[in-house]
């Protein structure tokens, strides 16, 4: 997969947040997040994680593909035989099969991480502080970026897949991981994540929200969105970014938390 250049907004004097979309792509939800970050005084960069696959990985195709494997865990979705069995059971189209073969291919996922790291490097040339902030698929990438050379200064993940425990050795940047308490995709990996962070002495903050489900922060997912939890999660995020970026322009409300 080719690297891509991120779309930047905001002045060079502001800290920059690299915003990483979930599986649905850089949709109106991501635009809303960037707008909210801008109001806090942050610059933003949105890399094109699907560069080269835009015609295949459309919101409609992705929705159909996710519906086909909704009952499978993340691990099962990466098992080609299990996916093929599930697609045959549901009589899914060849196009759905192609979407899933791309999304869950390890080379594709490695390529998305490389695109993320390029966006971090590009942001570093423009801004003194750089954070990653991602949702679900993007949340996993935001956390994974902390395990790579020349990482961001901090990372925030909403319902993101935790990094492998052994990769946390040597991670020195602060991480904030936000989870819904009813999330069959991610939550079974969180205890090992926390245990590894304690073992390696990582700066990890974990916040879970009761009576919420995956995508509770996404206002476009009406059946999952939880306004109260989303507002509290955003306050936690703003506080964390204020602390880790040491941005003098942020309000006292966030600097003091």
Protein backbone atom coordinates (compact mmCIF):
# COMPACT_ATOMS: atom_id res chain seq x y z
CA UNK A 1 0.00 0.00 0.00
CA UNK A 2 1.29 3.47 -0.85
CA UNK A 3 1.85 6.06 1.83
CA UNK A 4 -0.46 9.04 1.73
CA UNK A 5 -0.16 12.66 2.65
CA UNK A 6 -2.45 13.76 5.45
CA UNK A 7 -4.81 16.69 5.12
CA UNK A 8 -3.67 19.35 7.62
CA UNK A 9 -5.66 22.16 9.19
CA UNK A 10 -4.69 24.69 11.84
CA UNK A 11 -1.66 26.91 12.40
CA UNK A 12 1.94 25.71 12.90
CA UNK A 13 2.14 27.13 16.43
CA UNK A 14 -0.55 24.78 17.72
CA UNK A 15 -0.03 21.16 18.79
CA UNK A 16 -1.29 18.76 16.12
CA UNK A 17 -3.62 15.79 16.54
CA UNK A 18 -3.45 13.07 13.88
CA UNK A 19 -7.07 11.84 13.70
CA UNK A 20 -7.53 8.22 12.61
CA UNK A 21 -10.90 7.07 11.35
CA UNK A 22 -12.73 3.86 12.15
CA UNK A 23 -13.61 1.24 9.57
CA UNK A 24 -16.30 3.45 8.00
CA UNK A 25 -13.65 5.81 6.63
CA UNK A 26 -13.09 9.58 7.04
CA UNK A 27 -16.78 10.43 7.38
CA UNK A 28 -18.77 13.27 8.93
CA UNK A 29 -17.97 11.94 12.41
CA UNK A 30 -14.25 12.48 11.82
CA UNK A 31 -14.95 15.96 10.44
CA UNK A 32 -16.89 16.73 13.62
CA UNK A 33 -14.02 15.54 15.81
CA UNK A 34 -11.57 17.74 13.90
CA UNK A 35 -13.87 20.73 14.33
CA UNK A 36 -14.06 20.12 18.08
CA UNK A 37 -10.28 19.83 18.31
CA UNK A 38 -9.97 23.08 16.39
CA UNK A 39 -12.18 24.83 18.94
CA UNK A 40 -9.77 23.65 21.65
CA UNK A 41 -6.90 25.22 19.70
CA UNK A 42 -5.36 22.11 18.14
CA UNK A 43 -4.30 21.68 14.57
CA UNK A 44 -5.43 18.41 12.97
CA UNK A 45 -4.22 16.01 10.30
CA UNK A 46 -6.36 13.29 8.74
CA UNK A 47 -4.39 10.67 6.79
CA UNK A 48 -6.07 8.68 4.02
CA UNK A 49 -5.74 5.17 5.45
CA UNK A 50 -7.51 3.59 2.47
CA UNK A 51 -5.28 5.16 -0.18
CA UNK A 52 -5.39 3.05 -3.32
CA UNK A 53 -8.56 1.20 -2.27
CA UNK A 54 -11.09 4.03 -2.31
CA UNK A 55 -13.26 2.48 -5.03
CA UNK A 56 -13.58 -0.79 -3.12
CA UNK A 57 -13.69 0.47 0.47
CA UNK A 58 -16.74 2.69 0.15
CA UNK A 59 -19.08 3.21 3.14
CA UNK A 60 -21.77 1.09 1.43
CA UNK A 61 -19.40 -1.82 0.72
CA UNK A 62 -17.92 -1.68 4.21
CA UNK A 63 -21.37 -1.68 5.80
CA UNK A 64 -22.36 -4.78 3.85
CA UNK A 65 -19.08 -6.48 4.74
CA UNK A 66 -19.41 -5.71 8.44
CA UNK A 67 -22.95 -7.06 8.48
CA UNK A 68 -21.66 -10.30 6.98
CA UNK A 69 -19.12 -10.90 9.77
CA UNK A 70 -20.91 -9.19 12.63
CA UNK A 71 -21.08 -12.41 14.66
CA UNK A 72 -17.34 -13.11 14.38
CA UNK A 73 -14.65 -11.88 16.77
CA UNK A 74 -11.68 -9.89 15.52
CA UNK A 75 -9.53 -13.01 15.65
CA UNK A 76 -12.11 -14.97 13.67
CA UNK A 77 -12.37 -12.22 11.06
CA UNK A 78 -8.64 -12.64 10.42
CA UNK A 79 -9.07 -16.38 9.87
CA UNK A 80 -9.68 -16.80 6.13
CA UNK A 81 -11.35 -20.20 6.51
CA UNK A 82 -13.78 -18.98 9.15
CA UNK A 83 -14.65 -15.93 7.09
CA UNK A 84 -15.21 -18.04 3.99
CA UNK A 85 -17.53 -20.34 5.93
CA UNK A 86 -19.51 -17.39 7.29
CA UNK A 87 -19.80 -15.76 3.88
CA UNK A 88 -21.00 -18.99 2.32
CA UNK A 89 -23.59 -19.40 5.07
CA UNK A 90 -24.92 -15.91 4.35
CA UNK A 91 -24.58 -16.16 0.57
CA UNK A 92 -22.49 -12.99 0.54
CA UNK A 93 -21.39 -11.43 -2.74
CA UNK A 94 -17.89 -11.64 -4.23
CA UNK A 95 -17.54 -7.90 -3.61
CA UNK A 96 -18.17 -8.38 0.13
CA UNK A 97 -15.57 -11.16 0.17
CA UNK A 98 -13.07 -8.86 -1.55
CA UNK A 99 -13.67 -6.05 0.95
CA UNK A 100 -13.04 -8.40 3.88
CA UNK A 101 -9.97 -9.92 2.26
CA UNK A 102 -8.46 -6.43 2.07
CA UNK A 103 -9.56 -5.12 5.47
CA UNK A 104 -8.28 -8.10 7.43
CA UNK A 105 -5.12 -8.74 5.45
CA UNK A 106 -2.07 -8.20 7.68
CA UNK A 107 -0.16 -6.46 4.90
CA UNK A 108 -2.98 -3.95 4.53
CA UNK A 109 -3.03 -3.34 8.28
CA UNK A 110 0.75 -2.92 8.33
CA UNK A 111 0.34 -0.42 5.49
CA UNK A 112 -2.22 1.60 7.48
CA UNK A 113 0.22 1.79 10.39
CA UNK A 114 2.95 3.02 8.05
CA UNK A 115 0.56 5.68 6.74
CA UNK A 116 -0.13 6.67 10.36
CA UNK A 117 3.57 6.97 11.14
CA UNK A 118 4.14 9.05 8.00
CA UNK A 119 1.38 11.41 9.14
CA UNK A 120 3.06 11.67 12.55
CA UNK A 121 6.41 12.44 10.89
CA UNK A 122 4.86 15.04 8.60
CA UNK A 123 3.08 16.65 11.54
CA UNK A 124 6.35 16.74 13.49
CA UNK A 125 7.88 18.89 10.76
CA UNK A 126 5.10 21.45 11.21
CA UNK A 127 4.28 21.28 14.93
CA UNK A 128 6.21 20.96 18.19
CA UNK A 129 3.77 18.44 19.73
CA UNK A 130 1.94 15.62 17.96
CA UNK A 131 -0.78 13.31 19.28
CA UNK A 132 -2.67 10.43 17.71
CA UNK A 133 -6.42 10.09 18.29
CA UNK A 134 -8.36 7.20 16.79
CA UNK A 135 -11.66 5.36 16.88
CA UNK A 136 -12.04 1.57 16.76
CA UNK A 137 -9.80 0.63 13.79
CA UNK A 138 -8.11 4.03 14.12
CA UNK A 139 -7.90 3.63 17.89
CA UNK A 140 -5.81 0.51 17.47
CA UNK A 141 -3.53 2.40 15.10
CA UNK A 142 -3.28 5.34 17.53
CA UNK A 143 -2.02 3.00 20.25
CA UNK A 144 0.20 0.98 17.91
CA UNK A 145 1.95 4.19 16.88
CA UNK A 146 3.34 4.51 20.41
CA UNK A 147 5.25 1.23 19.96
CA UNK A 148 7.11 2.38 16.84
CA UNK A 149 10.30 4.44 16.49
CA UNK A 150 9.69 8.21 16.61
CA UNK A 151 6.24 7.87 18.18
CA UNK A 152 3.70 10.63 18.80
CA UNK A 153 3.92 12.53 22.08
CA UNK A 154 0.71 10.88 23.30
CA UNK A 155 -2.12 8.69 22.03
CA UNK A 156 -5.88 8.53 22.61
CA UNK A 157 -7.95 5.53 21.54
CA UNK A 158 -11.71 5.10 21.61
CA UNK A 159 -12.66 1.41 21.60
CA UNK A 160 -9.35 0.55 19.96
CA UNK A 161 -7.62 -2.81 19.84
CA UNK A 162 -4.75 -2.82 22.37
CA UNK A 163 -1.19 -3.42 21.18
CA UNK A 164 0.37 -6.81 21.80
CA UNK A 165 1.67 -7.00 25.36
CA UNK A 166 5.31 -7.54 24.40
CA UNK A 167 5.30 -4.45 22.18
CA UNK A 168 4.68 -2.18 25.19
CA UNK A 169 8.22 -2.65 26.48
CA UNK A 170 9.99 0.67 26.06
CA UNK A 171 6.85 2.72 25.34
CA UNK A 172 7.38 6.03 27.13
CA UNK A 173 4.55 8.24 25.84
CA UNK A 174 1.24 8.66 27.69
CA UNK A 175 -1.75 6.69 26.44
CA UNK A 176 -5.47 7.17 27.10
CA UNK A 177 -7.71 4.21 26.24
CA UNK A 178 -11.48 4.70 26.40
CA UNK A 179 -13.83 1.71 26.26
CA UNK A 180 -17.51 0.89 26.36
CA UNK A 181 -18.30 -1.73 28.98
CA UNK A 182 -20.37 -3.78 26.50
CA UNK A 183 -17.88 -4.29 23.68
CA UNK A 184 -17.47 -7.90 22.60
CA UNK A 185 -14.88 -6.96 19.98
CA UNK A 186 -12.32 -5.27 22.24
CA UNK A 187 -12.86 -5.78 25.94
CA UNK A 188 -11.50 -9.30 26.30
CA UNK A 189 -8.07 -7.91 25.38
CA UNK A 190 -8.08 -5.03 27.85
CA UNK A 191 -7.05 -6.93 31.03
CA UNK A 192 -3.85 -8.20 29.39
CA UNK A 193 -3.22 -4.67 28.07
CA UNK A 194 -3.46 -3.19 31.55
CA UNK A 195 -1.35 -5.97 33.06
CA UNK A 196 1.38 -5.43 30.47
CA UNK A 197 1.30 -1.65 31.01
CA UNK A 198 1.79 -2.18 34.73
CA UNK A 199 4.62 -4.61 34.08
CA UNK A 200 6.43 -2.23 31.74
CA UNK A 201 5.66 0.94 33.70
CA UNK A 202 3.72 2.61 30.88
CA UNK A 203 1.79 5.85 31.39
CA UNK A 204 -1.65 4.38 30.65
CA UNK A 205 -5.04 5.80 31.63
CA UNK A 206 -8.06 3.54 31.01
CA UNK A 207 -11.61 4.86 31.25
CA UNK A 208 -14.68 2.69 30.77
CA UNK A 209 -18.26 3.90 30.49
CA UNK A 210 -21.13 1.84 31.94
CA UNK A 211 -24.17 0.87 29.89
CA UNK A 212 -22.44 1.74 26.62
CA UNK A 213 -21.54 -0.19 23.48
CA UNK A 214 -18.91 0.03 20.76
CA UNK A 215 -19.28 3.33 18.85
CA UNK A 216 -21.01 5.06 21.78
CA UNK A 217 -19.07 8.23 20.91
CA UNK A 218 -20.15 8.34 17.26
CA UNK A 219 -23.16 10.63 16.91
CA UNK A 220 -23.92 9.23 13.45
CA UNK A 221 -24.66 5.77 14.95
CA UNK A 222 -28.05 6.62 16.46
CA UNK A 223 -28.64 3.16 17.93
CA UNK A 224 -25.30 3.19 19.77
CA UNK A 225 -24.62 6.85 20.54
CA UNK A 226 -24.77 7.83 24.22
CA UNK A 227 -24.74 11.62 24.57
CA UNK A 228 -23.89 11.79 28.29
CA UNK A 229 -21.07 9.27 28.02
CA UNK A 230 -19.76 10.91 24.85
CA UNK A 231 -19.64 14.34 26.50
CA UNK A 232 -17.80 12.96 29.53
CA UNK A 233 -15.40 11.04 27.30
CA UNK A 234 -14.62 14.22 25.38
CA UNK A 235 -13.88 16.09 28.61
CA UNK A 236 -11.51 13.30 29.62
CA UNK A 237 -9.86 13.48 26.20
CA UNK A 238 -9.49 17.26 26.30
CA UNK A 239 -7.98 17.06 29.78
CA UNK A 240 -5.51 14.39 28.69
CA UNK A 241 -4.45 16.30 25.57
CA UNK A 242 -4.04 19.48 27.63
CA UNK A 243 -1.78 17.68 30.11
CA UNK A 244 0.34 15.90 27.55
CA UNK A 245 0.66 18.76 25.07
CA UNK A 246 1.15 21.43 27.76
CA UNK A 247 -0.72 23.81 25.50
CA UNK A 248 -0.85 27.24 27.18
CA UNK A 249 -3.88 28.39 25.19
CA UNK A 250 -6.25 25.78 26.61
CA UNK A 251 -8.72 26.89 29.22
CA UNK A 252 -7.99 26.57 32.94
CA UNK A 253 -10.81 24.01 33.08
CA UNK A 254 -8.64 21.54 31.18
CA UNK A 255 -5.16 22.64 32.28
CA UNK A 256 -6.02 21.97 35.90
CA UNK A 257 -7.31 18.41 35.43
